[in-house]
Amino acid sequence: NAITIEEPYRYLDPSKIYHHKNIHIQIPDGFLFVMGDNRYNSSDSRSPSVGLVDERKVLGKVACRIYPFQAIEYNGN
């Protein structure tokens, strides 16, 4: 099930634009496609240095849920 997202974000620095606009990838079960949260200074699954992430290597604990807003909760210490 392919999803296309049109994003109106405009880069301020043309040298930082990710030039491979169309990415077609099928993500196998047990793997995650991760996205960086800083467009200028982070890498994500589009980069060969990151690639897809094996779910077995993801460690963490959900401490806070912010969205959806009607279900905000904190479970941390």
Protein backbone atom coordinates (compact mmCIF):
# COMPACT_ATOMS: atom_id res chain seq x y z
CA ASN A 1 0.00 0.00 0.00
CA ALA A 2 1.92 3.01 -1.25
CA ILE A 3 1.25 6.39 0.32
CA THR A 4 2.26 9.66 -1.32
CA ILE A 5 2.65 12.68 0.92
CA GLU A 6 2.86 16.12 -0.63
CA GLU A 7 4.89 18.33 1.68
CA PRO A 8 4.99 22.10 1.19
CA TYR A 9 8.23 22.49 3.20
CA ARG A 10 10.79 24.69 1.47
CA TYR A 11 14.49 24.30 2.09
CA LEU A 12 16.29 27.51 2.93
CA ASP A 13 19.72 26.20 1.89
CA PRO A 14 19.68 24.65 -1.63
CA SER A 15 22.93 22.77 -0.89
CA LYS A 16 21.10 20.75 1.78
CA ILE A 17 18.28 19.43 -0.44
CA TYR A 18 17.93 15.66 -0.58
CA HIS A 19 18.11 15.14 -4.33
CA HIS A 20 16.54 11.68 -4.65
CA LYS A 21 12.91 12.78 -4.60
CA ASN A 22 11.25 9.48 -5.53
CA ILE A 23 12.04 6.62 -3.21
CA HIS A 24 10.40 3.29 -3.91
CA ILE A 25 11.10 0.73 -1.22
CA GLN A 26 9.29 -2.25 0.17
CA ILE A 27 9.93 -2.62 3.88
CA PRO A 28 10.11 -6.25 4.97
CA ASP A 29 8.37 -7.48 8.12
CA GLY A 30 10.54 -6.91 11.17
CA PHE A 31 12.20 -3.76 9.85
CA LEU A 32 11.50 -0.04 10.26
CA PHE A 33 11.99 2.90 7.92
CA VAL A 34 13.19 5.70 10.20
CA MET A 35 13.02 9.41 9.43
CA GLY A 36 15.34 12.05 10.83
CA ASP A 37 13.77 14.96 12.66
CA ASN A 38 16.29 17.59 11.56
CA ARG A 39 16.29 18.09 7.81
CA TYR A 40 19.72 19.67 7.71
CA ASN A 41 21.66 17.66 10.30
CA SER A 42 20.29 14.14 10.55
CA SER A 43 20.38 10.97 8.53
CA ASP A 44 17.54 8.53 8.10
CA SER A 45 16.67 5.34 6.22
CA ARG A 46 17.17 7.08 2.88
CA SER A 47 20.89 7.15 3.63
CA PRO A 48 22.95 4.01 2.96
CA SER A 49 24.77 4.69 6.25
CA VAL A 50 21.48 4.09 8.14
CA GLY A 51 19.22 1.99 5.93
CA LEU A 52 16.35 0.00 7.35
CA VAL A 53 16.46 -0.74 11.08
CA ASP A 54 15.90 -4.23 12.47
CA GLU A 55 13.06 -4.05 15.04
CA ARG A 56 15.03 -6.41 17.31
CA LYS A 57 17.68 -3.71 17.71
CA VAL A 58 15.25 -1.03 18.87
CA LEU A 59 15.31 -0.64 22.64
CA GLY A 60 13.12 1.77 24.49
CA LYS A 61 10.17 2.41 26.70
CA VAL A 62 7.27 4.70 25.99
CA ALA A 63 7.16 7.23 28.82
CA CYS A 64 4.86 9.86 27.38
CA ARG A 65 2.21 9.95 24.69
CA ILE A 66 1.38 13.37 23.32
CA TYR A 67 -0.81 12.52 20.33
CA PRO A 68 -3.68 12.09 19.90
CA PHE A 69 -4.25 15.06 22.17
CA GLN A 70 -7.37 13.62 23.80
CA ALA A 71 -5.23 10.67 25.02
CA ILE A 72 -2.14 12.44 26.44
CA GLU A 73 -0.56 10.43 29.22
CA TYR A 74 2.71 10.13 31.12
CA ASN A 75 3.99 6.76 32.34
CA GLY A 76 7.57 7.67 33.27
CA ASN A 77 9.25 7.79 36.64
